[in-house]
Amino acid sequence: MIKAKLPSSFRDPSGFLFFRNGSLYRQVNTIYKENYDCLIDSGLYEALINAELLIPHNEVDIERPNIR
């Protein structure tokens, strides 16, 4: 069950953080999709992970959160 966005998410216009069943997720909003795809497809994401300049993540396909 999701109760609300994390309060700090107001700083992130491209998405928001939320918990679901004890796991932390970040939704990437449609407005940021093109930029996100470029990050992944360009190889920059992998380069930053390998240089330990970015924390790795796993993409998941879950139902859209019902945020209040």
PDB file of N, CA and C in Angstrom:
ATOM      1  N   MET A   1       0.854  -1.182   0.000  1.00  0.00           N
ATOM      2  CA  MET A   1       0.000   0.000   0.000  1.00  0.00           C
ATOM      3  C   MET A   1       0.890   1.233   0.000  1.00  0.00           C
ATOM      4  N   ILE A   2       0.541   2.188  -0.800  1.00  0.00           N
ATOM      5  CA  ILE A   2       1.270   3.444  -0.870  1.00  0.00           C
ATOM      6  C   ILE A   2       0.412   4.519  -0.228  1.00  0.00           C
ATOM      7  N   LYS A   3       0.995   5.231   0.698  1.00  0.00           N
ATOM      8  CA  LYS A   3       0.241   6.293   1.352  1.00  0.00           C
ATOM      9  C   LYS A   3       0.497   7.642   0.717  1.00  0.00           C
ATOM     10  N   ALA A   4       1.759   7.944   0.377  1.00  0.00           N
ATOM     11  CA  ALA A   4       2.070   9.257  -0.180  1.00  0.00           C
ATOM     12  C   ALA A   4       3.487   9.268  -0.721  1.00  0.00           C
ATOM     13  N   LYS A   5       3.746  10.270  -1.536  1.00  0.00           N
ATOM     14  CA  LYS A   5       5.109  10.519  -1.974  1.00  0.00           C
ATOM     15  C   LYS A   5       5.947  10.834  -0.742  1.00  0.00           C
ATOM     16  N   LEU A   6       7.229  10.553  -0.834  1.00  0.00           N
ATOM     17  CA  LEU A   6       8.118  10.986   0.233  1.00  0.00           C
ATOM     18  C   LEU A   6       8.180  12.509   0.204  1.00  0.00           C
ATOM     19  N   PRO A   7       8.176  13.152   1.351  1.00  0.00           N
ATOM     20  CA  PRO A   7       8.145  14.619   1.404  1.00  0.00           C
ATOM     21  C   PRO A   7       9.266  15.292   0.626  1.00  0.00           C
ATOM     22  N   SER A   8      10.423  14.663   0.552  1.00  0.00           N
ATOM     23  CA  SER A   8      11.557  15.267  -0.162  1.00  0.00           C
ATOM     24  C   SER A   8      11.361  15.259  -1.672  1.00  0.00           C
ATOM     25  N   SER A   9      10.367  14.565  -2.176  1.00  0.00           N
ATOM     26  CA  SER A   9      10.161  14.462  -3.618  1.00  0.00           C
ATOM     27  C   SER A   9       9.752  15.771  -4.283  1.00  0.00           C
ATOM     28  N   PHE A  10       9.396  16.779  -3.510  1.00  0.00           N
ATOM     29  CA  PHE A  10       9.044  18.063  -4.116  1.00  0.00           C
ATOM     30  C   PHE A  10      10.230  18.656  -4.870  1.00  0.00           C
ATOM     31  N   ARG A  11      11.443  18.205  -4.553  1.00  0.00           N
ATOM     32  CA  ARG A  11      12.652  18.708  -5.215  1.00  0.00           C
ATOM     33  C   ARG A  11      12.861  18.081  -6.585  1.00  0.00           C
ATOM     34  N   ASP A  12      12.101  17.088  -6.940  1.00  0.00           N
ATOM     35  CA  ASP A  12      12.323  16.290  -8.145  1.00  0.00           C
ATOM     36  C   ASP A  12      11.171  16.468  -9.130  1.00  0.00           C
ATOM     37  N   PRO A  13      11.260  17.426 -10.050  1.00  0.00           N
ATOM     38  CA  PRO A  13      10.163  17.657 -10.986  1.00  0.00           C
ATOM     39  C   PRO A  13      10.023  16.554 -12.035  1.00  0.00           C
ATOM     40  N   SER A  14      11.014  15.680 -12.139  1.00  0.00           N
ATOM     41  CA  SER A  14      10.995  14.629 -13.161  1.00  0.00           C
ATOM     42  C   SER A  14      10.428  13.314 -12.661  1.00  0.00           C
ATOM     43  N   GLY A  15      10.068  13.251 -11.404  1.00  0.00           N
ATOM     44  CA  GLY A  15       9.528  12.022 -10.831  1.00  0.00           C
ATOM     45  C   GLY A  15       9.355  12.190  -9.338  1.00  0.00           C
ATOM     46  N   PHE A  16       9.207  11.066  -8.650  1.00  0.00           N
ATOM     47  CA  PHE A  16       9.079  11.110  -7.196  1.00  0.00           C
ATOM     48  C   PHE A  16       9.421   9.760  -6.608  1.00  0.00           C
ATOM     49  N   LEU A  17       9.766   9.777  -5.327  1.00  0.00           N
ATOM     50  CA  LEU A  17      10.071   8.563  -4.577  1.00  0.00           C
ATOM     51  C   LEU A  17       8.844   8.130  -3.804  1.00  0.00           C
ATOM     52  N   PHE A  18       8.704   6.801  -3.665  1.00  0.00           N
ATOM     53  CA  PHE A  18       7.626   6.268  -2.844  1.00  0.00           C
ATOM     54  C   PHE A  18       8.021   4.876  -2.376  1.00  0.00           C
ATOM     55  N   PHE A  19       7.407   4.430  -1.284  1.00  0.00           N
ATOM     56  CA  PHE A  19       7.601   3.079  -0.790  1.00  0.00           C
ATOM     57  C   PHE A  19       6.415   2.224  -1.191  1.00  0.00           C
ATOM     58  N   ARG A  20       6.706   0.981  -1.530  1.00  0.00           N
ATOM     59  CA  ARG A  20       5.659  -0.013  -1.789  1.00  0.00           C
ATOM     60  C   ARG A  20       6.148  -1.322  -1.190  1.00  0.00           C
ATOM     61  N   ASN A  21       5.362  -1.863  -0.276  1.00  0.00           N
ATOM     62  CA  ASN A  21       5.690  -3.140   0.362  1.00  0.00           C
ATOM     63  C   ASN A  21       7.117  -3.162   0.897  1.00  0.00           C
ATOM     64  N   GLY A  22       7.536  -2.056   1.504  1.00  0.00           N
ATOM     65  CA  GLY A  22       8.837  -1.988   2.139  1.00  0.00           C
ATOM     66  C   GLY A  22      10.011  -1.695   1.211  1.00  0.00           C
ATOM     67  N   SER A  23       9.769  -1.553  -0.094  1.00  0.00           N
ATOM     68  CA  SER A  23      10.831  -1.240  -1.047  1.00  0.00           C
ATOM     69  C   SER A  23      10.685   0.189  -1.536  1.00  0.00           C
ATOM     70  N   LEU A  24      11.825   0.845  -1.752  1.00  0.00           N
ATOM     71  CA  LEU A  24      11.844   2.215  -2.243  1.00  0.00           C
ATOM     72  C   LEU A  24      11.848   2.221  -3.762  1.00  0.00           C
ATOM     73  N   TYR A  25      10.988   3.041  -4.361  1.00  0.00           N
ATOM     74  CA  TYR A  25      10.877   3.167  -5.813  1.00  0.00           C
ATOM     75  C   TYR A  25      10.965   4.637  -6.199  1.00  0.00           C
ATOM     76  N   ARG A  26      11.356   4.876  -7.442  1.00  0.00           N
ATOM     77  CA  ARG A  26      11.284   6.217  -8.008  1.00  0.00           C
ATOM     78  C   ARG A  26      10.518   6.119  -9.318  1.00  0.00           C
ATOM     79  N   GLN A  27       9.474   6.871  -9.417  1.00  0.00           N
ATOM     80  CA  GLN A  27       8.745   6.955 -10.679  1.00  0.00           C
ATOM     81  C   GLN A  27       9.397   8.024 -11.535  1.00  0.00           C
ATOM     82  N   VAL A  28       9.655   7.694 -12.791  1.00  0.00           N
ATOM     83  CA  VAL A  28      10.146   8.677 -13.761  1.00  0.00           C
ATOM     84  C   VAL A  28       8.929   9.137 -14.560  1.00  0.00           C
ATOM     85  N   ASN A  29       8.606  10.407 -14.464  1.00  0.00           N
ATOM     86  CA  ASN A  29       7.438  10.936 -15.162  1.00  0.00           C
ATOM     87  C   ASN A  29       7.674  11.007 -16.663  1.00  0.00           C
ATOM     88  N   THR A  30       6.603  10.975 -17.408  1.00  0.00           N
ATOM     89  CA  THR A  30       6.653  11.006 -18.865  1.00  0.00           C
ATOM     90  C   THR A  30       7.459  12.192 -19.385  1.00  0.00           C
ATOM     91  N   ILE A  31       7.384  13.321 -18.710  1.00  0.00           N
ATOM     92  CA  ILE A  31       8.094  14.519 -19.155  1.00  0.00           C
ATOM     93  C   ILE A  31       9.616  14.303 -19.187  1.00  0.00           C
ATOM     94  N   TYR A  32      10.116  13.362 -18.395  1.00  0.00           N
ATOM     95  CA  TYR A  32      11.560  13.104 -18.326  1.00  0.00           C
ATOM     96  C   TYR A  32      11.981  11.883 -19.135  1.00  0.00           C
ATOM     97  N   LYS A  33      11.035  11.142 -19.708  1.00  0.00           N
ATOM     98  CA  LYS A  33      11.329   9.875 -20.382  1.00  0.00           C
ATOM     99  C   LYS A  33      12.403  10.006 -21.462  1.00  0.00           C
ATOM    100  N   GLU A  34      12.318  11.015 -22.298  1.00  0.00           N
ATOM    101  CA  GLU A  34      13.294  11.185 -23.377  1.00  0.00           C
ATOM    102  C   GLU A  34      14.713  11.367 -22.809  1.00  0.00           C
ATOM    103  N   ASN A  35      14.839  12.171 -21.765  1.00  0.00           N
ATOM    104  CA  ASN A  35      16.141  12.366 -21.124  1.00  0.00           C
ATOM    105  C   ASN A  35      16.647  11.077 -20.483  1.00  0.00           C
ATOM    106  N   TYR A  36      15.763  10.365 -19.810  1.00  0.00           N
ATOM    107  CA  TYR A  36      16.143   9.101 -19.167  1.00  0.00           C
ATOM    108  C   TYR A  36      16.608   8.092 -20.208  1.00  0.00           C
ATOM    109  N   ASP A  37      15.860   7.959 -21.286  1.00  0.00           N
ATOM    110  CA  ASP A  37      16.240   7.031 -22.356  1.00  0.00           C
ATOM    111  C   ASP A  37      17.605   7.392 -22.935  1.00  0.00           C
ATOM    112  N   CYS A  38      17.881   8.674 -23.080  1.00  0.00           N
ATOM    113  CA  CYS A  38      19.178   9.133 -23.590  1.00  0.00           C
ATOM    114  C   CYS A  38      20.299   8.751 -22.618  1.00  0.00           C
ATOM    115  N   LEU A  39      20.079   8.930 -21.331  1.00  0.00           N
ATOM    116  CA  LEU A  39      21.063   8.548 -20.317  1.00  0.00           C
ATOM    117  C   LEU A  39      21.418   7.072 -20.442  1.00  0.00           C
ATOM    118  N   ILE A  40      20.415   6.231 -20.568  1.00  0.00           N
ATOM    119  CA  ILE A  40      20.639   4.785 -20.649  1.00  0.00           C
ATOM    120  C   ILE A  40      21.262   4.411 -21.989  1.00  0.00           C
ATOM    121  N   ASP A  41      20.678   4.886 -23.085  1.00  0.00           N
ATOM    122  CA  ASP A  41      21.105   4.479 -24.441  1.00  0.00           C
ATOM    123  C   ASP A  41      22.485   5.006 -24.824  1.00  0.00           C
ATOM    124  N   SER A  42      22.899   6.120 -24.238  1.00  0.00           N
ATOM    125  CA  SER A  42      24.183   6.736 -24.603  1.00  0.00           C
ATOM    126  C   SER A  42      25.380   6.015 -23.996  1.00  0.00           C
ATOM    127  N   GLY A  43      25.142   5.194 -22.989  1.00  0.00           N
ATOM    128  CA  GLY A  43      26.246   4.544 -22.293  1.00  0.00           C
ATOM    129  C   GLY A  43      26.737   5.339 -21.092  1.00  0.00           C
ATOM    130  N   LEU A  44      26.216   6.564 -20.917  1.00  0.00           N
ATOM    131  CA  LEU A  44      26.640   7.393 -19.798  1.00  0.00           C
ATOM    132  C   LEU A  44      26.276   6.754 -18.456  1.00  0.00           C
ATOM    133  N   TYR A  45      25.086   6.194 -18.365  1.00  0.00           N
ATOM    134  CA  TYR A  45      24.664   5.539 -17.119  1.00  0.00           C
ATOM    135  C   TYR A  45      25.679   4.476 -16.723  1.00  0.00           C
ATOM    136  N   GLU A  46      26.019   3.606 -17.644  1.00  0.00           N
ATOM    137  CA  GLU A  46      26.965   2.518 -17.368  1.00  0.00           C
ATOM    138  C   GLU A  46      28.339   3.075 -16.996  1.00  0.00           C
ATOM    139  N   ALA A  47      28.793   4.117 -17.687  1.00  0.00           N
ATOM    140  CA  ALA A  47      30.092   4.730 -17.381  1.00  0.00           C
ATOM    141  C   ALA A  47      30.098   5.315 -15.973  1.00  0.00           C
ATOM    142  N   LEU A  48      29.019   5.973 -15.589  1.00  0.00           N
ATOM    143  CA  LEU A  48      28.938   6.553 -14.248  1.00  0.00           C
ATOM    144  C   LEU A  48      28.877   5.481 -13.176  1.00  0.00           C
ATOM    145  N   ILE A  49      28.187   4.395 -13.444  1.00  0.00           N
ATOM    146  CA  ILE A  49      28.137   3.269 -12.507  1.00  0.00           C
ATOM    147  C   ILE A  49      29.535   2.684 -12.344  1.00  0.00           C
ATOM    148  N   ASN A  50      30.216   2.439 -13.456  1.00  0.00           N
ATOM    149  CA  ASN A  50      31.560   1.849 -13.417  1.00  0.00           C
ATOM    150  C   ASN A  50      32.561   2.749 -12.697  1.00  0.00           C
ATOM    151  N   ALA A  51      32.372   4.058 -12.785  1.00  0.00           N
ATOM    152  CA  ALA A  51      33.255   5.008 -12.102  1.00  0.00           C
ATOM    153  C   ALA A  51      32.807   5.253 -10.657  1.00  0.00           C
ATOM    154  N   GLU A  52      31.752   4.556 -10.231  1.00  0.00           N
ATOM    155  CA  GLU A  52      31.174   4.695  -8.885  1.00  0.00           C
ATOM    156  C   GLU A  52      30.747   6.129  -8.586  1.00  0.00           C
ATOM    157  N   LEU A  53      30.220   6.783  -9.627  1.00  0.00           N
ATOM    158  CA  LEU A  53      29.705   8.147  -9.482  1.00  0.00           C
ATOM    159  C   LEU A  53      28.180   8.190  -9.441  1.00  0.00           C
ATOM    160  N   LEU A  54      27.558   7.033  -9.632  1.00  0.00           N
ATOM    161  CA  LEU A  54      26.106   6.921  -9.612  1.00  0.00           C
ATOM    162  C   LEU A  54      25.752   5.592  -8.977  1.00  0.00           C
ATOM    163  N   ILE A  55      24.701   5.587  -8.196  1.00  0.00           N
ATOM    164  CA  ILE A  55      24.232   4.349  -7.569  1.00  0.00           C
ATOM    165  C   ILE A  55      23.408   3.574  -8.595  1.00  0.00           C
ATOM    166  N   PRO A  56      23.716   2.293  -8.813  1.00  0.00           N
ATOM    167  CA  PRO A  56      22.949   1.515  -9.795  1.00  0.00           C
ATOM    168  C   PRO A  56      21.513   1.280  -9.338  1.00  0.00           C
ATOM    169  N   HIS A  57      20.647   1.037 -10.312  1.00  0.00           N
ATOM    170  CA  HIS A  57      19.248   0.759 -10.018  1.00  0.00           C
ATOM    171  C   HIS A  57      18.753  -0.352 -10.941  1.00  0.00           C
ATOM    172  N   ASN A  58      17.604  -0.882 -10.617  1.00  0.00           N
ATOM    173  CA  ASN A  58      16.917  -1.862 -11.463  1.00  0.00           C
ATOM    174  C   ASN A  58      15.616  -1.258 -11.940  1.00  0.00           C
ATOM    175  N   GLU A  59      15.348  -1.381 -13.220  1.00  0.00           N
ATOM    176  CA  GLU A  59      14.057  -0.932 -13.739  1.00  0.00           C
ATOM    177  C   GLU A  59      13.032  -2.028 -13.473  1.00  0.00           C
ATOM    178  N   VAL A  60      11.854  -1.620 -13.074  1.00  0.00           N
ATOM    179  CA  VAL A  60      10.763  -2.556 -12.836  1.00  0.00           C
ATOM    180  C   VAL A  60       9.507  -2.020 -13.510  1.00  0.00           C
ATOM    181  N   ASP A  61       8.642  -2.903 -13.843  1.00  0.00           N
ATOM    182  CA  ASP A  61       7.360  -2.533 -14.442  1.00  0.00           C
ATOM    183  C   ASP A  61       6.279  -2.905 -13.432  1.00  0.00           C
ATOM    184  N   ILE A  62       5.785  -1.898 -12.730  1.00  0.00           N
ATOM    185  CA  ILE A  62       4.737  -2.129 -11.742  1.00  0.00           C
ATOM    186  C   ILE A  62       3.571  -1.213 -12.046  1.00  0.00           C
ATOM    187  N   GLU A  63       2.444  -1.508 -11.421  1.00  0.00           N
ATOM    188  CA  GLU A  63       1.278  -0.648 -11.596  1.00  0.00           C
ATOM    189  C   GLU A  63       1.599   0.758 -11.138  1.00  0.00           C
ATOM    190  N   ARG A  64       1.016   1.714 -11.813  1.00  0.00           N
ATOM    191  CA  ARG A  64       1.189   3.116 -11.421  1.00  0.00           C
ATOM    192  C   ARG A  64       0.711   3.287  -9.980  1.00  0.00           C
ATOM    193  N   PRO A  65       1.507   3.960  -9.174  1.00  0.00           N
ATOM    194  CA  PRO A  65       1.108   4.131  -7.768  1.00  0.00           C
ATOM    195  C   PRO A  65      -0.111   5.028  -7.633  1.00  0.00           C
ATOM    196  N   ASN A  66      -0.922   4.700  -6.680  1.00  0.00           N
ATOM    197  CA  ASN A  66      -2.099   5.516  -6.350  1.00  0.00           C
ATOM    198  C   ASN A  66      -1.697   6.434  -5.209  1.00  0.00           C
ATOM    199  N   ILE A  67      -1.162   7.586  -5.553  1.00  0.00           N
ATOM    200  CA  ILE A  67      -0.604   8.510  -4.569  1.00  0.00           C
ATOM    201  C   ILE A  67      -1.649   9.517  -4.127  1.00  0.00           C
ATOM    202  N   ARG A  68      -1.694   9.741  -2.831  1.00  0.00           N
ATOM    203  CA  ARG A  68      -2.584  10.771  -2.289  1.00  0.00           C
ATOM    204  C   ARG A  68      -1.827  12.025  -2.026  1.00  0.00           C
TER     205      ARG A  68
END
